[in-house]
């Protein structure tokens, strides 16, 4: 069957595939592997899998060879090279059978078919023991801390889990270990789900573990298993690392080294291109560590648009990301707070515009695929402290206090926002100048609720629902959250 498939499409035999079929790992996955020598009527045969792909909502390219199921609605496939084309070891990709956004189709699972099958076999072999261990840890944690309403220290073994649409996609247990001043992870279990992007469980769990490692002030080294009985880096996490180009466990098979952890943290932290360039500049100049930048974003202390604005408009980025200047440095602190007010209002505006999840208002159907990525993009003008936002609709722009030119319902309109906590006459003139320069855009001065009376008539306003005092309270909470980790 396999040779007939290759001959019909004039494809080469994928390098290493024969050895994979003959390997002990493949035999341990005998009920999952799509075997080429079985009847097409059997659910673990190559013929059965090819029929599934032909019946998919979007059929894959003709050179895709199914290897084994990822979940009930997606298949791990190999991209076979045509005859006469140099053939490297083929990567493994995930093909969804349902109708999903094209951006999430054909995502990489691993860079090597042999390593992929080996890692899946190791993962399934250890899964039941991991689940039993998680149940034991969770029961002890519940009786020792939850029932007593006690918040544990970082050195206490804590169970965590990730879920999406009421489906648990990842579980882990972690604690700070003073023996090596790093994070110990005795249990790590994840899975792929049909409605979740490829490796999203591993990305989310890795981000959670790395944030905890930073928050507890360790070296960012992460070890797996218990003391005296350490395990290698979990196969699912290693597979995810290979898929995104970050090798894990290279310096020590039983741990993620501090250098590997920082590379992984940068890889799993979503950032727009402009923000990533600004972060790289700060890191290269030694002003900030990668883990502090990533922790700030992944713990939602500051969102991407907020952090981008702070980086682009403030000369006190380093101090802000370490928790702000002390109160006695009044001039520095006032400058930082004003920047943070503008950033906080901007983040609130972006969340309002992006709040387009209509699942609760649907006809009861469940989304086939989960996607909460932002709809809008932005660009910060560092010279004037203004932000151009693309992707907003006329009815999606909140807080407008004055009439403006209307557009067709659902039409995407350019938005230029000037966020100011304490607006000055210079800011008023800036808005007028931007209106003249961008006549087709919606231009507005974004101010707190109690600053409206300070703005002259004729200046288009966007009024944040929070007052200055409420913004300052929220900012102080955020700055306090950043007074963690190593300096």
Protein backbone atom coordinates (compact mmCIF):
# COMPACT_ATOMS: atom_id res chain seq x y z
CA UNK A 1 0.00 0.00 0.00
CA UNK A 2 2.78 2.45 0.90
CA UNK A 3 4.77 1.82 -2.26
CA UNK A 4 1.62 2.09 -4.38
CA UNK A 5 0.85 5.46 -2.74
CA UNK A 6 4.37 6.72 -3.50
CA UNK A 7 4.45 5.39 -7.08
CA UNK A 8 1.04 6.82 -7.94
CA UNK A 9 2.14 10.30 -6.87
CA UNK A 10 5.76 9.93 -8.03
CA UNK A 11 7.14 10.48 -4.53
CA UNK A 12 10.26 9.30 -2.75
CA UNK A 13 10.23 7.01 0.25
CA UNK A 14 10.65 9.39 3.23
CA UNK A 15 14.08 8.97 4.77
CA UNK A 16 13.96 6.96 7.99
CA UNK A 17 10.31 5.90 7.59
CA UNK A 18 11.09 2.19 7.10
CA UNK A 19 13.16 2.19 10.29
CA UNK A 20 10.29 3.91 12.11
CA UNK A 21 7.82 1.19 11.11
CA UNK A 22 10.28 -1.46 12.35
CA UNK A 23 11.11 0.30 15.63
CA UNK A 24 10.02 -0.88 19.11
CA UNK A 25 8.37 2.51 19.64
CA UNK A 26 6.11 1.99 16.62
CA UNK A 27 5.20 -1.50 17.84
CA UNK A 28 4.22 -0.02 21.21
CA UNK A 29 1.90 2.29 19.23
CA UNK A 30 0.49 -0.57 17.14
CA UNK A 31 -3.12 0.60 17.63
CA UNK A 32 -2.27 4.16 16.57
CA UNK A 33 0.19 3.84 13.68
CA UNK A 34 -1.41 3.78 10.22
CA UNK A 35 0.18 0.57 9.00
CA UNK A 36 0.63 0.20 5.22
CA UNK A 37 0.21 -3.60 5.24
CA UNK A 38 -3.27 -3.70 6.77
CA UNK A 39 -6.71 -3.88 5.21
CA UNK A 40 -8.33 -0.58 4.31
CA UNK A 41 -11.24 -1.57 6.55
CA UNK A 42 -9.09 -1.42 9.69
CA UNK A 43 -9.00 1.91 11.51
CA UNK A 44 -5.22 1.73 11.98
CA UNK A 45 -4.43 1.14 8.31
CA UNK A 46 -2.88 3.54 5.81
CA UNK A 47 -5.87 3.13 3.47
CA UNK A 48 -8.29 4.16 6.21
CA UNK A 49 -6.25 7.26 7.03
CA UNK A 50 -5.96 8.28 3.38
CA UNK A 51 -9.75 8.12 3.09
CA UNK A 52 -10.08 10.34 6.18
CA UNK A 53 -7.80 12.91 4.57
CA UNK A 54 -9.73 12.77 1.28
CA UNK A 55 -12.96 13.42 3.18
CA UNK A 56 -11.49 16.29 5.21
CA UNK A 57 -13.09 19.71 4.99
CA UNK A 58 -9.86 20.86 3.34
CA UNK A 59 -7.96 17.91 1.81
CA UNK A 60 -4.17 18.05 2.26
CA UNK A 61 -1.62 18.19 -0.60
CA UNK A 62 -1.20 14.93 -2.52
CA UNK A 63 2.27 14.33 -1.09
CA UNK A 64 1.07 14.12 2.53
CA UNK A 65 1.45 10.66 4.04
CA UNK A 66 -0.59 10.00 7.24
CA UNK A 67 1.45 8.59 10.11
CA UNK A 68 -0.77 8.43 13.22
CA UNK A 69 -3.72 10.34 14.75
CA UNK A 70 -3.03 13.42 16.86
CA UNK A 71 -6.61 13.49 18.22
CA UNK A 72 -10.05 12.51 16.97
CA UNK A 73 -10.07 15.35 14.40
CA UNK A 74 -6.47 15.70 13.20
CA UNK A 75 -3.68 13.52 11.81
CA UNK A 76 0.11 13.68 11.93
CA UNK A 77 1.41 13.64 8.36
CA UNK A 78 4.75 13.51 6.54
CA UNK A 79 5.43 15.68 3.51
CA UNK A 80 7.04 13.32 0.99
CA UNK A 81 9.52 14.76 -1.51
CA UNK A 82 8.94 14.28 -5.28
CA UNK A 83 11.26 11.98 -7.22
CA UNK A 84 14.54 13.63 -8.10
CA UNK A 85 14.33 16.25 -5.35
CA UNK A 86 16.93 16.10 -2.53
CA UNK A 87 15.19 14.50 0.42
CA UNK A 88 15.97 15.48 4.00
CA UNK A 89 14.49 13.81 7.04
CA UNK A 90 10.83 14.90 6.73
CA UNK A 91 9.19 17.03 9.36
CA UNK A 92 5.85 16.04 10.89
CA UNK A 93 2.86 18.36 10.53
CA UNK A 94 -0.69 18.31 11.85
CA UNK A 95 -3.61 18.27 9.41
CA UNK A 96 -7.08 19.09 10.76
CA UNK A 97 -10.08 17.28 9.29
CA UNK A 98 -12.56 20.00 10.34
CA UNK A 99 -13.04 23.41 8.77
CA UNK A 100 -10.61 25.70 10.63
CA UNK A 101 -8.77 28.93 9.90
CA UNK A 102 -6.08 28.29 7.30
CA UNK A 103 -3.50 29.96 9.57
CA UNK A 104 -3.72 27.04 12.01
CA UNK A 105 -3.64 24.28 9.41
CA UNK A 106 -0.44 22.39 8.59
CA UNK A 107 1.36 23.41 11.80
CA UNK A 108 4.65 21.62 12.66
CA UNK A 109 4.56 18.88 15.30
CA UNK A 110 8.22 17.86 15.11
CA UNK A 111 11.27 18.18 12.90
CA UNK A 112 12.06 14.45 12.61
CA UNK A 113 9.71 11.50 12.09
CA UNK A 114 11.81 9.13 14.18
CA UNK A 115 12.03 11.54 17.12
CA UNK A 116 8.32 12.24 16.84
CA UNK A 117 7.25 8.60 17.08
CA UNK A 118 9.75 7.97 19.88
CA UNK A 119 8.52 10.97 21.88
CA UNK A 120 4.84 10.01 21.46
CA UNK A 121 5.59 6.47 22.64
CA UNK A 122 7.48 7.76 25.69
CA UNK A 123 4.73 10.27 26.46
CA UNK A 124 1.93 7.69 26.38
CA UNK A 125 3.97 5.20 28.38
CA UNK A 126 4.42 7.67 31.24
CA UNK A 127 0.98 9.32 31.09
CA UNK A 128 -0.96 7.03 33.48
CA UNK A 129 1.72 7.25 36.15
CA UNK A 130 1.79 11.02 35.77
CA UNK A 131 -1.99 11.29 36.14
CA UNK A 132 -1.94 9.14 39.27
CA UNK A 133 0.84 11.28 40.72
CA UNK A 134 -1.11 14.46 39.92
CA UNK A 135 -4.19 13.10 41.69
CA UNK A 136 -2.15 12.32 44.80
CA UNK A 137 -0.50 15.78 44.80
CA UNK A 138 -3.83 17.57 44.23
CA UNK A 139 -5.54 15.77 47.13
CA UNK A 140 -2.72 16.60 49.51
CA UNK A 141 -2.64 20.24 48.35
CA UNK A 142 -6.42 20.55 48.79
CA UNK A 143 -6.37 19.24 52.36
CA UNK A 144 -3.24 21.17 53.43
CA UNK A 145 -3.97 24.55 51.82
CA UNK A 146 -7.33 24.94 50.06
CA UNK A 147 -9.49 23.72 52.94
CA UNK A 148 -7.50 25.83 55.39
CA UNK A 149 -7.52 28.91 53.10
CA UNK A 150 -3.72 29.12 53.28
CA UNK A 151 -1.63 30.51 50.44
CA UNK A 152 1.47 28.32 49.99
CA UNK A 153 5.03 29.49 49.64
CA UNK A 154 6.92 28.95 46.42
CA UNK A 155 8.79 26.00 47.93
CA UNK A 156 5.53 24.06 48.41
CA UNK A 157 4.60 21.51 45.76
CA UNK A 158 1.63 23.01 43.89
CA UNK A 159 -0.60 21.36 41.25
CA UNK A 160 -1.62 23.45 38.23
CA UNK A 161 -3.76 22.74 35.20
CA UNK A 162 -4.71 24.34 31.89
CA UNK A 163 -8.15 24.01 30.35
CA UNK A 164 -9.94 25.27 27.23
CA UNK A 165 -13.69 24.89 26.64
CA UNK A 166 -13.91 22.67 29.75
CA UNK A 167 -11.25 20.33 28.35
CA UNK A 168 -8.11 19.90 30.45
CA UNK A 169 -5.15 20.10 28.08
CA UNK A 170 -2.26 20.27 30.55
CA UNK A 171 -1.37 19.43 34.15
CA UNK A 172 1.80 19.92 36.12
CA UNK A 173 3.18 20.17 39.64
CA UNK A 174 5.99 22.54 40.57
CA UNK A 175 7.94 24.04 43.46
CA UNK A 176 11.06 26.09 44.05
CA UNK A 177 13.98 23.85 45.06
CA UNK A 178 16.63 25.59 47.18
CA UNK A 179 19.06 22.73 46.58
CA UNK A 180 19.90 24.09 43.11
CA UNK A 181 18.02 27.43 43.36
CA UNK A 182 15.66 26.61 40.55
CA UNK A 183 12.25 25.15 39.79
CA UNK A 184 11.49 21.45 40.21
CA UNK A 185 8.69 19.93 38.13
CA UNK A 186 7.88 16.37 39.26
CA UNK A 187 4.89 15.98 36.87
CA UNK A 188 4.27 17.29 33.36
CA UNK A 189 1.33 16.00 31.30
CA UNK A 190 -0.17 17.65 28.20
CA UNK A 191 -2.27 16.64 25.21
CA UNK A 192 -3.46 17.97 21.88
CA UNK A 193 -7.17 18.85 21.54
CA UNK A 194 -9.14 19.19 18.34
CA UNK A 195 -10.24 22.78 19.08
CA UNK A 196 -6.84 24.05 20.25
CA UNK A 197 -3.86 25.15 18.14
CA UNK A 198 -0.94 22.78 17.70
CA UNK A 199 1.34 22.61 20.77
CA UNK A 200 -0.75 25.28 22.52
CA UNK A 201 -0.93 23.14 25.66
CA UNK A 202 2.87 22.88 25.72
CA UNK A 203 3.26 26.59 25.00
CA UNK A 204 0.87 27.55 27.76
CA UNK A 205 2.35 25.13 30.29
CA UNK A 206 5.89 26.20 29.44
CA UNK A 207 4.92 29.86 29.92
CA UNK A 208 3.31 29.07 33.27
CA UNK A 209 6.36 27.14 34.50
CA UNK A 210 8.79 29.82 33.33
CA UNK A 211 6.76 32.59 34.99
CA UNK A 212 6.80 30.66 38.25
CA UNK A 213 10.55 30.09 37.95
CA UNK A 214 11.12 33.82 37.56
CA UNK A 215 8.65 34.85 40.25
CA UNK A 216 10.42 32.68 42.84
CA UNK A 217 13.74 34.40 42.16
CA UNK A 218 15.73 31.37 41.05
CA UNK A 219 18.30 30.97 38.32
CA UNK A 220 15.63 29.89 35.78
CA UNK A 221 17.00 26.33 35.81
CA UNK A 222 14.17 23.78 35.64
CA UNK A 223 14.62 20.14 36.71
CA UNK A 224 12.14 17.32 36.21
CA UNK A 225 11.29 14.43 38.50
CA UNK A 226 12.04 14.16 42.21
CA UNK A 227 15.35 14.54 44.01
CA UNK A 228 17.43 11.43 43.56
CA UNK A 229 15.11 10.17 40.83
CA UNK A 230 15.28 12.83 38.16
CA UNK A 231 13.64 12.43 34.78
CA UNK A 232 14.67 13.75 31.39
CA UNK A 233 12.93 16.74 29.82
CA UNK A 234 9.32 15.59 29.12
CA UNK A 235 9.02 14.23 25.57
CA UNK A 236 6.09 16.53 24.72
CA UNK A 237 8.07 19.58 25.83
CA UNK A 238 11.17 18.45 23.89
CA UNK A 239 8.98 17.91 20.83
CA UNK A 240 7.54 21.40 21.19
CA UNK A 241 11.04 22.86 21.55
CA UNK A 242 12.19 21.20 18.34
CA UNK A 243 9.08 22.46 16.51
CA UNK A 244 9.87 26.10 17.42
CA UNK A 245 13.64 25.80 17.02
CA UNK A 246 14.64 25.73 20.70
CA UNK A 247 16.63 22.65 21.72
CA UNK A 248 16.02 21.61 25.33
CA UNK A 249 18.06 19.35 27.55
CA UNK A 250 21.22 19.77 25.48
CA UNK A 251 23.44 20.78 28.41
CA UNK A 252 21.84 18.30 30.82
CA UNK A 253 19.23 15.75 29.70
CA UNK A 254 17.40 16.05 33.04
CA UNK A 255 16.93 19.80 33.04
CA UNK A 256 16.32 22.97 31.10
CA UNK A 257 19.36 25.14 31.69
CA UNK A 258 19.01 28.87 32.45
CA UNK A 259 20.18 29.73 28.92
CA UNK A 260 17.67 27.31 27.35
CA UNK A 261 14.93 28.62 29.66
CA UNK A 262 15.50 32.20 28.51
CA UNK A 263 15.42 31.17 24.85
CA UNK A 264 12.23 29.19 25.46
CA UNK A 265 10.64 32.11 27.34
CA UNK A 266 11.27 34.44 24.41
CA UNK A 267 9.89 31.86 21.98
CA UNK A 268 6.62 31.22 23.85
CA UNK A 269 5.86 34.88 24.58
CA UNK A 270 3.68 36.41 21.82
CA UNK A 271 4.91 39.83 20.72
CA UNK A 272 4.20 42.07 17.72
CA UNK A 273 7.25 42.64 15.53
CA UNK A 274 7.81 46.23 16.70
CA UNK A 275 7.72 45.21 20.34
CA UNK A 276 10.07 42.29 19.75
CA UNK A 277 12.58 44.65 18.11
CA UNK A 278 12.38 47.02 21.08
CA UNK A 279 12.79 44.12 23.52
CA UNK A 280 15.82 42.84 21.61
CA UNK A 281 17.38 46.30 21.77
CA UNK A 282 16.91 46.49 25.55
CA UNK A 283 18.35 43.00 26.01
CA UNK A 284 21.33 43.70 23.74
CA UNK A 285 22.13 46.87 25.68
CA UNK A 286 21.99 44.98 28.96
CA UNK A 287 19.19 47.14 30.35
CA UNK A 288 16.81 44.26 30.97
CA UNK A 289 16.88 40.47 31.19
CA UNK A 290 14.79 38.42 28.74
CA UNK A 291 12.93 36.68 31.55
CA UNK A 292 11.78 39.95 33.15
CA UNK A 293 10.42 41.23 29.84
CA UNK A 294 8.64 37.95 29.13
CA UNK A 295 7.28 37.67 32.67
CA UNK A 296 5.83 41.18 32.39
CA UNK A 297 3.85 40.16 29.32
CA UNK A 298 2.93 36.59 30.20
CA UNK A 299 1.71 37.44 33.71
CA UNK A 300 -0.46 40.23 32.20
CA UNK A 301 1.17 42.92 34.32
CA UNK A 302 1.33 44.93 31.10
CA UNK A 303 -0.22 43.86 27.80
CA UNK A 304 1.68 43.97 24.52
CA UNK A 305 0.26 47.33 23.41
CA UNK A 306 0.86 48.84 26.87
CA UNK A 307 4.45 47.65 27.01
CA UNK A 308 5.07 48.76 23.44
CA UNK A 309 3.87 52.27 24.35
CA UNK A 310 6.05 52.41 27.47
CA UNK A 311 9.12 51.26 25.53
CA UNK A 312 8.51 53.74 22.70
CA UNK A 313 7.78 56.85 24.77
CA UNK A 314 9.63 56.59 28.10
CA UNK A 315 13.29 56.91 29.00
CA UNK A 316 12.60 55.12 32.28
CA UNK A 317 11.70 51.67 30.96
CA UNK A 318 14.23 49.87 33.13
CA UNK A 319 12.90 51.44 36.34
CA UNK A 320 9.25 50.84 35.43
CA UNK A 321 9.86 47.14 34.78
CA UNK A 322 11.57 46.79 38.14
CA UNK A 323 8.57 48.18 40.00
CA UNK A 324 8.99 51.95 39.64
CA UNK A 325 11.03 54.61 41.41
CA UNK A 326 10.65 54.99 45.20
CA UNK A 327 8.14 57.65 46.38
CA UNK A 328 10.91 59.96 47.57
CA UNK A 329 12.15 60.31 43.95
CA UNK A 330 9.08 62.39 43.22
CA UNK A 331 10.04 63.82 39.84
CA UNK A 332 11.03 60.45 38.40
CA UNK A 333 7.98 58.75 39.85
CA UNK A 334 5.57 61.34 38.40
CA UNK A 335 7.10 60.90 34.94
CA UNK A 336 6.73 57.12 35.20
CA UNK A 337 3.15 57.29 36.47
CA UNK A 338 2.08 59.59 33.62
CA UNK A 339 3.52 57.19 31.05
CA UNK A 340 1.81 54.28 32.81
CA UNK A 341 -1.55 56.11 32.87
CA UNK A 342 -1.44 56.57 29.12
CA UNK A 343 -0.39 52.93 28.60
CA UNK A 344 -3.13 51.61 30.91
CA UNK A 345 -5.87 53.56 29.09
CA UNK A 346 -4.48 52.40 25.75
CA UNK A 347 -4.58 48.77 26.87
CA UNK A 348 -8.18 49.17 28.02
CA UNK A 349 -9.10 50.67 24.64
CA UNK A 350 -7.48 47.81 22.75
CA UNK A 351 -9.28 45.21 24.87
CA UNK A 352 -12.63 46.90 24.18
CA UNK A 353 -12.00 46.95 20.43
CA UNK A 354 -10.83 43.34 20.44
CA UNK A 355 -13.71 42.08 22.57
CA UNK A 356 -15.43 40.35 19.65
CA UNK A 357 -16.03 36.90 21.16
CA UNK A 358 -19.65 36.09 20.35
CA UNK A 359 -19.75 32.52 21.67
CA UNK A 360 -22.16 33.46 24.48
CA UNK A 361 -24.53 35.05 21.96
CA UNK A 362 -24.40 32.19 19.46
CA UNK A 363 -27.20 29.76 18.70
CA UNK A 364 -25.78 27.18 21.09
CA UNK A 365 -23.21 25.69 18.73
CA UNK A 366 -19.66 25.14 19.93
CA UNK A 367 -16.74 26.73 18.13
CA UNK A 368 -14.84 24.16 16.11
CA UNK A 369 -11.55 25.88 16.82
CA UNK A 370 -10.51 28.13 19.69
CA UNK A 371 -8.76 31.35 18.70
CA UNK A 372 -8.46 34.34 21.01
CA UNK A 373 -5.70 36.16 19.16
CA UNK A 374 -6.05 39.96 18.84
CA UNK A 375 -7.81 41.34 15.76
CA UNK A 376 -6.22 44.76 15.78
CA UNK A 377 -2.66 45.83 15.11
CA UNK A 378 -0.98 49.05 16.14
CA UNK A 379 2.03 51.26 15.62
CA UNK A 380 3.40 53.67 18.21
CA UNK A 381 4.78 57.03 17.11
CA UNK A 382 7.49 57.54 19.70
CA UNK A 383 8.14 61.17 18.72
CA UNK A 384 4.65 62.39 19.67
CA UNK A 385 3.30 59.60 21.87
CA UNK A 386 0.41 58.76 19.53
CA UNK A 387 -0.77 55.31 18.47
CA UNK A 388 -2.23 54.29 15.11
CA UNK A 389 -4.64 51.35 15.51
CA UNK A 390 -5.68 49.28 12.50
CA UNK A 391 -8.52 46.77 12.40
CA UNK A 392 -11.18 48.65 14.40
CA UNK A 393 -14.72 49.18 13.13
CA UNK A 394 -16.75 52.36 13.56
CA UNK A 395 -19.16 50.75 16.05
CA UNK A 396 -16.27 48.99 17.81
CA UNK A 397 -14.54 52.22 18.90
CA UNK A 398 -15.79 52.95 22.46
CA UNK A 399 -16.05 56.03 24.67
CA UNK A 400 -16.46 58.65 21.90
CA UNK A 401 -17.93 61.83 23.43
CA UNK A 402 -18.50 63.85 20.24
CA UNK A 403 -20.03 63.28 16.82
CA UNK A 404 -17.70 62.32 14.04
CA UNK A 405 -17.91 61.22 10.45
CA UNK A 406 -19.76 57.92 10.23
CA UNK A 407 -18.79 54.94 8.12
CA UNK A 408 -20.70 51.93 6.85
CA UNK A 409 -21.55 49.31 9.51
CA UNK A 410 -18.66 46.89 9.95
CA UNK A 411 -16.28 49.05 7.92
CA UNK A 412 -12.69 49.02 9.14
CA UNK A 413 -11.63 52.56 10.00
CA UNK A 414 -8.14 53.88 10.84
CA UNK A 415 -7.86 55.17 14.39
CA UNK A 416 -5.22 57.55 15.74
CA UNK A 417 -5.25 57.79 19.51
CA UNK A 418 -3.34 60.23 21.74
CA UNK A 419 -3.51 58.81 25.29
CA UNK A 420 -2.84 61.31 28.08
CA UNK A 421 -3.52 61.00 31.80
CA UNK A 422 -3.04 64.75 32.39
CA UNK A 423 -3.53 66.45 28.99
CA UNK A 424 -1.78 69.77 28.31
CA UNK A 425 -2.33 72.52 25.68
CA UNK A 426 0.48 70.93 23.66
CA UNK A 427 -1.55 67.71 23.50
CA UNK A 428 -4.61 69.66 22.29
CA UNK A 429 -2.58 71.16 19.47
CA UNK A 430 -1.10 67.74 18.63
CA UNK A 431 -4.60 66.33 18.10
CA UNK A 432 -5.50 69.23 15.78
CA UNK A 433 -2.32 68.66 13.77
CA UNK A 434 -2.99 64.92 13.50
CA UNK A 435 -6.54 65.63 12.29
CA UNK A 436 -5.18 67.73 9.45
CA UNK A 437 -2.51 65.18 8.60
CA UNK A 438 -4.90 62.19 8.67
CA UNK A 439 -8.28 63.49 7.42
CA UNK A 440 -9.65 60.00 6.70
CA UNK A 441 -8.84 58.64 10.16
CA UNK A 442 -10.70 58.85 13.45
CA UNK A 443 -8.41 60.96 15.66
CA UNK A 444 -9.06 61.33 19.37
CA UNK A 445 -7.48 62.46 22.63
CA UNK A 446 -7.86 59.62 25.14
CA UNK A 447 -8.26 60.98 28.70
CA UNK A 448 -9.53 59.73 32.10
CA UNK A 449 -13.14 60.40 33.07
CA UNK A 450 -12.30 63.32 35.36
CA UNK A 451 -10.14 65.13 32.80
CA UNK A 452 -12.91 65.93 30.31
CA UNK A 453 -13.54 69.45 31.65
CA UNK A 454 -9.88 70.40 31.15
CA UNK A 455 -10.07 69.86 27.37
CA UNK A 456 -11.30 72.75 25.17
CA UNK A 457 -14.34 72.34 22.95
CA UNK A 458 -13.62 71.15 19.45
CA UNK A 459 -11.02 68.59 20.49
CA UNK A 460 -12.30 65.08 19.64
CA UNK A 461 -12.32 63.03 22.84
CA UNK A 462 -12.27 59.41 23.85
CA UNK A 463 -13.16 59.26 27.55
CA UNK A 464 -11.81 56.32 29.52
CA UNK A 465 -14.40 55.20 32.12
CA UNK A 466 -11.78 55.24 34.92
CA UNK A 467 -10.75 58.34 36.83
CA UNK A 468 -7.11 59.28 37.48
CA UNK A 469 -7.21 57.90 41.04
CA UNK A 470 -8.51 54.52 39.83
CA UNK A 471 -5.82 54.37 37.15
CA UNK A 472 -3.12 55.19 39.70
CA UNK A 473 -4.34 52.47 42.06
CA UNK A 474 -4.23 49.92 39.25
CA UNK A 475 -0.77 51.10 38.18
CA UNK A 476 0.61 50.75 41.72
CA UNK A 477 -0.75 47.21 41.83
CA UNK A 478 1.02 46.40 38.56
CA UNK A 479 4.30 47.94 39.67
CA UNK A 480 4.18 45.95 42.91
CA UNK A 481 3.82 42.74 40.88
CA UNK A 482 7.11 43.53 39.13
CA UNK A 483 9.09 43.74 42.37
CA UNK A 484 9.90 40.05 42.09
CA UNK A 485 12.71 37.90 40.70
CA UNK A 486 16.37 38.64 40.65
CA UNK A 487 17.64 42.11 39.92
